[in-house]
Amino acid sequence: MTAGTELIPLYSSSQGNSTLIKINGVNLLIDCGKSCKMIGEALIKCGVYPDDISAVFLTHGHSDHIQGITVFTKKYHTPVYATKGTMRKITDIYSEVTYIAENDIISFKEHGFEVWALPTPHDIEGSVVYKIRNLKTKKDVCVMTDLGQFTPAMQGFARGSAAILLESNYDRQMLKDGPYPYPLKMRIASGHGHISNDICHEAAEFLIREGTTKIMLGHLSPTNNTEEIALDSFIRYMKGRDLTEGRDYIVKVASKTGPTEGFSV
């Protein structure tokens, strides 16, 4: 089996999230935030059958990350890894659950990789992001959404990763002018909600200068952002920092409606 890692978003938005990780012949899911049927259809489009998933790692207990997990485990009995805080949001689970700490390293030594967790200030108990470290190729990929902030701890966690799915949730002006009630707008921008395009740009610049070359913008708000705004503003920001798309980095936007062509590292 050829060693390597692929990061493939199946769905990524405020309406549902799930990411396929292929690593050294093993298939993982990060989150199960669409229906079991939709997750299964997306996996098959990527050449993976749902019962070929070796484990599901959950980031947190908001519905756009867990809504399909009960039916998925009932049908496929896939092992689940999550914090105790996340599991308190799930009433029924039909497979083995491994509780992880919010600063944990889960070893799959027999397959040559590790999964690292890091807590986030997102406004729910037990929220984490993940880094998947390939011990064979010495390359990391990260799935980092629902951040609230891009903290110094997150900088150190993601530093040097080969590829990352990074939150770019909202455009500040669209959020300000948009239809959401004021308390929800404040929650989103509070430092415990999501990160804006602007914060994403700053985070990505740091990562690019530290060696990350493949950036997937994810978890876009269908109301407060667009793929065009997220992508165009990202490229424009980087150009202003003398970082050129295609030379210094590759950037894509993860689709909310189905699988996005991913990154191989």
Protein backbone atom coordinates (compact mmCIF):
# COMPACT_ATOMS: atom_id res chain seq x y z
CA MET A 1 0.00 0.00 0.00
CA THR A 2 1.43 3.36 -1.04
CA ALA A 3 1.93 5.77 1.83
CA GLY A 4 0.24 9.16 1.55
CA THR A 5 -2.61 11.36 2.75
CA GLU A 6 -5.62 12.88 1.01
CA LEU A 7 -7.88 15.57 2.48
CA ILE A 8 -11.28 15.60 0.73
CA PRO A 9 -14.17 17.78 1.96
CA LEU A 10 -17.49 16.01 1.42
CA TYR A 11 -19.59 18.95 2.65
CA SER A 12 -18.44 22.16 4.28
CA SER A 13 -20.70 25.00 5.41
CA SER A 14 -22.93 26.13 8.25
CA GLN A 15 -25.49 23.66 6.83
CA GLY A 16 -23.38 20.54 7.37
CA ASN A 17 -19.79 19.35 7.54
CA SER A 18 -17.90 16.15 6.85
CA THR A 19 -14.35 15.55 5.62
CA LEU A 20 -12.83 12.35 4.27
CA ILE A 21 -9.23 11.60 5.16
CA LYS A 22 -7.49 8.84 3.22
CA ILE A 23 -4.21 7.87 4.88
CA ASN A 24 -1.97 4.89 4.16
CA GLY A 25 -4.92 2.84 2.92
CA VAL A 26 -7.21 3.77 5.85
CA ASN A 27 -10.35 5.93 5.52
CA LEU A 28 -11.41 8.32 8.28
CA LEU A 29 -14.29 10.76 8.58
CA ILE A 30 -13.99 14.04 10.42
CA ASP A 31 -17.57 14.87 11.42
CA CYS A 32 -20.86 13.47 10.16
CA GLY A 33 -22.91 16.63 9.76
CA LYS A 34 -25.23 15.59 6.95
CA SER A 35 -27.73 12.74 6.78
CA CYS A 36 -26.35 9.22 6.59
CA LYS A 37 -27.72 8.97 3.04
CA MET A 38 -25.96 12.15 1.91
CA ILE A 39 -22.69 11.15 3.54
CA GLY A 40 -22.89 7.77 1.86
CA GLU A 41 -23.58 9.28 -1.56
CA ALA A 42 -20.65 11.68 -1.20
CA LEU A 43 -18.30 8.90 -0.14
CA ILE A 44 -19.24 6.74 -3.11
CA LYS A 45 -18.49 9.68 -5.42
CA CYS A 46 -15.01 9.63 -3.89
CA GLY A 47 -14.59 5.90 -4.50
CA VAL A 48 -15.15 4.89 -0.87
CA TYR A 49 -18.02 2.80 0.48
CA PRO A 50 -19.42 3.91 3.86
CA ASP A 51 -18.55 0.57 5.47
CA ASP A 52 -14.92 1.17 4.46
CA ILE A 53 -14.69 4.02 6.99
CA SER A 54 -12.45 2.85 9.85
CA ALA A 55 -13.36 5.62 12.32
CA VAL A 56 -15.33 8.85 12.69
CA PHE A 57 -13.76 11.70 14.63
CA LEU A 58 -16.23 14.34 15.84
CA THR A 59 -15.11 17.92 16.41
CA HIS A 60 -18.03 19.09 18.57
CA GLY A 61 -21.72 18.71 19.24
CA HIS A 62 -23.39 21.32 17.05
CA SER A 63 -25.90 19.76 14.68
CA ASP A 64 -24.05 20.71 11.49
CA HIS A 65 -21.26 18.36 12.62
CA ILE A 66 -23.18 15.44 14.18
CA GLN A 67 -26.66 15.26 12.63
CA GLY A 68 -25.94 12.05 10.71
CA ILE A 69 -23.88 10.17 13.29
CA THR A 70 -26.67 8.22 15.00
CA VAL A 71 -28.01 6.69 11.79
CA PHE A 72 -24.50 6.23 10.35
CA THR A 73 -23.35 4.19 13.36
CA LYS A 74 -26.60 2.24 13.47
CA LYS A 75 -26.07 1.21 9.86
CA TYR A 76 -22.29 0.73 9.73
CA HIS A 77 -21.17 0.32 13.38
CA THR A 78 -18.16 2.54 12.74
CA PRO A 79 -16.02 3.35 15.80
CA VAL A 80 -16.42 6.94 17.01
CA TYR A 81 -13.82 9.17 18.67
CA ALA A 82 -15.02 12.29 20.49
CA THR A 83 -14.69 14.27 23.69
CA LYS A 84 -17.10 13.61 26.55
CA GLY A 85 -18.55 17.08 26.02
CA THR A 86 -19.39 16.24 22.43
CA MET A 87 -20.91 12.88 23.31
CA ARG A 88 -23.26 14.55 25.79
CA LYS A 89 -25.00 16.08 22.75
CA ILE A 90 -25.68 12.68 21.15
CA THR A 91 -28.51 10.65 22.63
CA ASP A 92 -28.00 7.40 20.72
CA ILE A 93 -24.84 5.78 19.40
CA TYR A 94 -24.69 2.30 17.90
CA SER A 95 -20.98 1.59 17.88
CA GLU A 96 -17.94 1.69 20.09
CA VAL A 97 -17.03 5.15 21.40
CA THR A 98 -13.51 6.13 22.42
CA TYR A 99 -13.49 9.22 24.60
CA ILE A 100 -10.61 11.54 23.85
CA ALA A 101 -9.18 14.43 25.83
CA GLU A 102 -9.18 17.91 24.34
CA ASN A 103 -5.37 17.76 24.08
CA ASP A 104 -4.92 14.18 22.95
CA ILE A 105 -2.84 12.14 20.53
CA ILE A 106 -4.52 8.97 19.28
CA SER A 107 -2.05 6.51 17.82
CA PHE A 108 -2.78 4.18 14.91
CA LYS A 109 0.78 2.88 14.89
CA GLU A 110 -0.10 -0.23 12.92
CA HIS A 111 -1.23 2.03 10.06
CA GLY A 112 1.53 4.60 10.45
CA PHE A 113 -0.42 7.67 11.58
CA GLU A 114 -1.63 9.66 14.56
CA VAL A 115 -4.61 11.93 15.13
CA TRP A 116 -3.97 14.99 17.32
CA ALA A 117 -6.73 17.01 18.99
CA LEU A 118 -6.62 20.63 20.17
CA PRO A 119 -9.37 22.53 22.04
CA THR A 120 -11.00 25.59 20.51
CA PRO A 121 -12.82 28.55 22.13
CA HIS A 122 -15.94 27.74 20.08
CA ASP A 123 -19.05 28.16 22.20
CA ILE A 124 -19.80 24.56 23.07
CA GLU A 125 -18.31 22.11 25.52
CA GLY A 126 -15.60 19.79 24.24
CA SER A 127 -14.92 21.46 20.88
CA VAL A 128 -11.67 20.41 19.17
CA VAL A 129 -9.85 20.55 15.87
CA TYR A 130 -7.74 17.76 14.41
CA LYS A 131 -4.33 17.23 12.89
CA ILE A 132 -3.60 13.95 11.13
CA ARG A 133 0.11 13.13 11.19
CA ASN A 134 1.44 10.62 8.67
CA LEU A 135 4.37 8.87 10.34
CA LYS A 136 5.44 7.31 7.05
CA THR A 137 5.64 10.47 4.95
CA LYS A 138 6.27 12.90 7.84
CA LYS A 139 3.48 15.17 6.56
CA ASP A 140 0.51 16.60 8.47
CA VAL A 141 -2.95 17.71 7.36
CA CYS A 142 -5.34 19.71 9.54
CA VAL A 143 -9.10 20.19 9.72
CA MET A 144 -9.71 23.46 11.56
CA THR A 145 -13.17 25.05 11.57
CA ASP A 146 -15.50 26.52 14.22
CA LEU A 147 -12.51 28.26 15.75
CA GLY A 148 -13.82 31.48 17.24
CA GLN A 149 -10.23 32.72 17.10
CA PHE A 150 -6.96 31.62 15.55
CA THR A 151 -5.02 31.41 18.78
CA PRO A 152 -1.25 31.09 19.37
CA ALA A 153 -1.90 27.46 20.35
CA MET A 154 -3.54 26.90 16.98
CA GLN A 155 -0.57 28.51 15.23
CA GLY A 156 1.77 26.03 16.88
CA PHE A 157 -0.60 23.12 16.26
CA ALA A 158 -0.98 23.74 12.51
CA ARG A 159 2.50 25.11 11.86
CA GLY A 160 4.29 23.19 9.12
CA SER A 161 1.21 21.25 8.00
CA ALA A 162 1.26 20.34 4.32
CA ALA A 163 -2.46 20.99 3.79
CA ILE A 164 -5.27 22.47 5.84
CA LEU A 165 -9.03 22.87 5.72
CA LEU A 166 -9.35 26.30 7.33
CA GLU A 167 -12.49 28.12 8.35
CA SER A 168 -13.44 31.21 6.32
CA ASN A 169 -16.95 31.59 7.64
CA TYR A 170 -18.12 35.13 7.01
CA ASP A 171 -17.47 38.42 5.29
CA ARG A 172 -17.60 41.17 7.92
CA GLN A 173 -19.71 43.55 5.83
CA MET A 174 -22.16 40.85 4.76
CA LEU A 175 -22.64 39.80 8.38
CA LYS A 176 -23.16 43.42 9.46
CA ASP A 177 -25.69 44.16 6.71
CA GLY A 178 -27.33 40.74 6.67
CA PRO A 179 -30.63 39.42 8.01
CA TYR A 180 -29.42 37.73 11.19
CA PRO A 181 -30.72 39.15 14.49
CA TYR A 182 -28.22 41.27 16.37
CA PRO A 183 -27.51 38.72 19.15
CA LEU A 184 -26.63 36.07 16.56
CA LYS A 185 -24.35 38.48 14.72
CA MET A 186 -22.58 39.20 17.99
CA ARG A 187 -22.25 35.49 18.77
CA ILE A 188 -20.70 34.72 15.40
CA ALA A 189 -18.11 37.52 15.70
CA SER A 190 -17.54 37.18 19.44
CA GLY A 191 -14.32 35.19 19.50
CA HIS A 192 -16.34 32.13 20.52
CA GLY A 193 -18.24 31.68 17.26
CA HIS A 194 -16.53 31.61 13.88
CA ILE A 195 -13.66 33.35 12.13
CA SER A 196 -14.08 35.87 9.33
CA ASN A 197 -12.41 35.94 5.95
CA ASP A 198 -10.03 38.57 7.34
CA ILE A 199 -8.89 36.42 10.25
CA CYS A 200 -8.58 33.44 7.91
CA HIS A 201 -6.27 35.49 5.68
CA GLU A 202 -3.99 36.37 8.58
CA ALA A 203 -3.92 32.77 9.79
CA ALA A 204 -3.22 31.44 6.32
CA GLU A 205 -0.42 33.94 5.74
CA PHE A 206 1.30 32.70 8.89
CA LEU A 207 0.90 29.08 7.79
CA ILE A 208 2.11 29.70 4.24
CA ARG A 209 5.24 31.40 5.55
CA GLU A 210 5.77 28.38 7.80
CA GLY A 211 5.57 25.92 4.91
CA THR A 212 1.90 25.14 4.26
CA THR A 213 1.25 25.17 0.52
CA LYS A 214 -2.30 23.81 0.20
CA ILE A 215 -5.21 25.75 1.71
CA MET A 216 -8.87 24.69 1.53
CA LEU A 217 -11.27 27.43 2.64
CA GLY A 218 -14.17 25.85 4.49
CA HIS A 219 -17.31 26.25 6.59
CA LEU A 220 -18.53 29.23 4.55
CA SER A 221 -21.80 30.75 5.70
CA PRO A 222 -24.47 30.49 2.97
CA THR A 223 -25.89 33.81 4.22
CA ASN A 224 -22.83 35.86 5.14
CA ASN A 225 -20.25 34.78 2.57
CA THR A 226 -19.85 33.52 -0.98
CA GLU A 227 -17.24 31.34 -2.62
CA GLU A 228 -16.28 34.24 -4.90
CA ILE A 229 -15.80 36.73 -2.06
CA ALA A 230 -13.86 34.24 0.07
CA LEU A 231 -11.55 33.22 -2.76
CA ASP A 232 -11.03 36.64 -4.36
CA SER A 233 -10.35 38.38 -1.06
CA PHE A 234 -7.91 35.62 -0.05
CA ILE A 235 -5.88 35.90 -3.26
CA ARG A 236 -5.95 39.70 -3.12
CA TYR A 237 -4.74 39.72 0.49
CA MET A 238 -1.89 37.33 -0.27
CA LYS A 239 -0.87 39.31 -3.34
CA GLY A 240 -0.55 42.36 -1.11
CA ARG A 241 1.88 40.33 1.04
CA ASP A 242 3.91 39.25 -2.01
CA LEU A 243 2.51 35.71 -1.88
CA THR A 244 1.32 34.45 -5.26
CA GLU A 245 -1.27 31.75 -5.91
CA GLY A 246 0.31 28.91 -7.87
CA ARG A 247 3.81 29.88 -6.80
CA ASP A 248 3.66 30.08 -3.02
CA TYR A 249 0.40 28.26 -2.33
CA ILE A 250 -2.68 26.62 -3.84
CA VAL A 251 -6.12 27.64 -2.58
CA LYS A 252 -9.55 26.07 -3.11
CA VAL A 253 -13.00 26.58 -1.62
CA ALA A 254 -14.80 23.56 -0.16
CA SER A 255 -18.31 23.10 -1.53
CA LYS A 256 -21.38 23.03 0.70
CA THR A 257 -23.29 20.75 -1.69
CA GLY A 258 -20.95 17.82 -2.32
CA PRO A 259 -17.37 16.57 -2.53
CA THR A 260 -14.60 18.97 -3.49
CA GLU A 261 -11.49 17.80 -5.29
CA GLY A 262 -9.12 17.49 -2.40
CA PHE A 263 -5.41 17.71 -1.72
CA SER A 264 -2.89 14.86 -1.76
CA VAL A 265 0.31 15.22 0.25
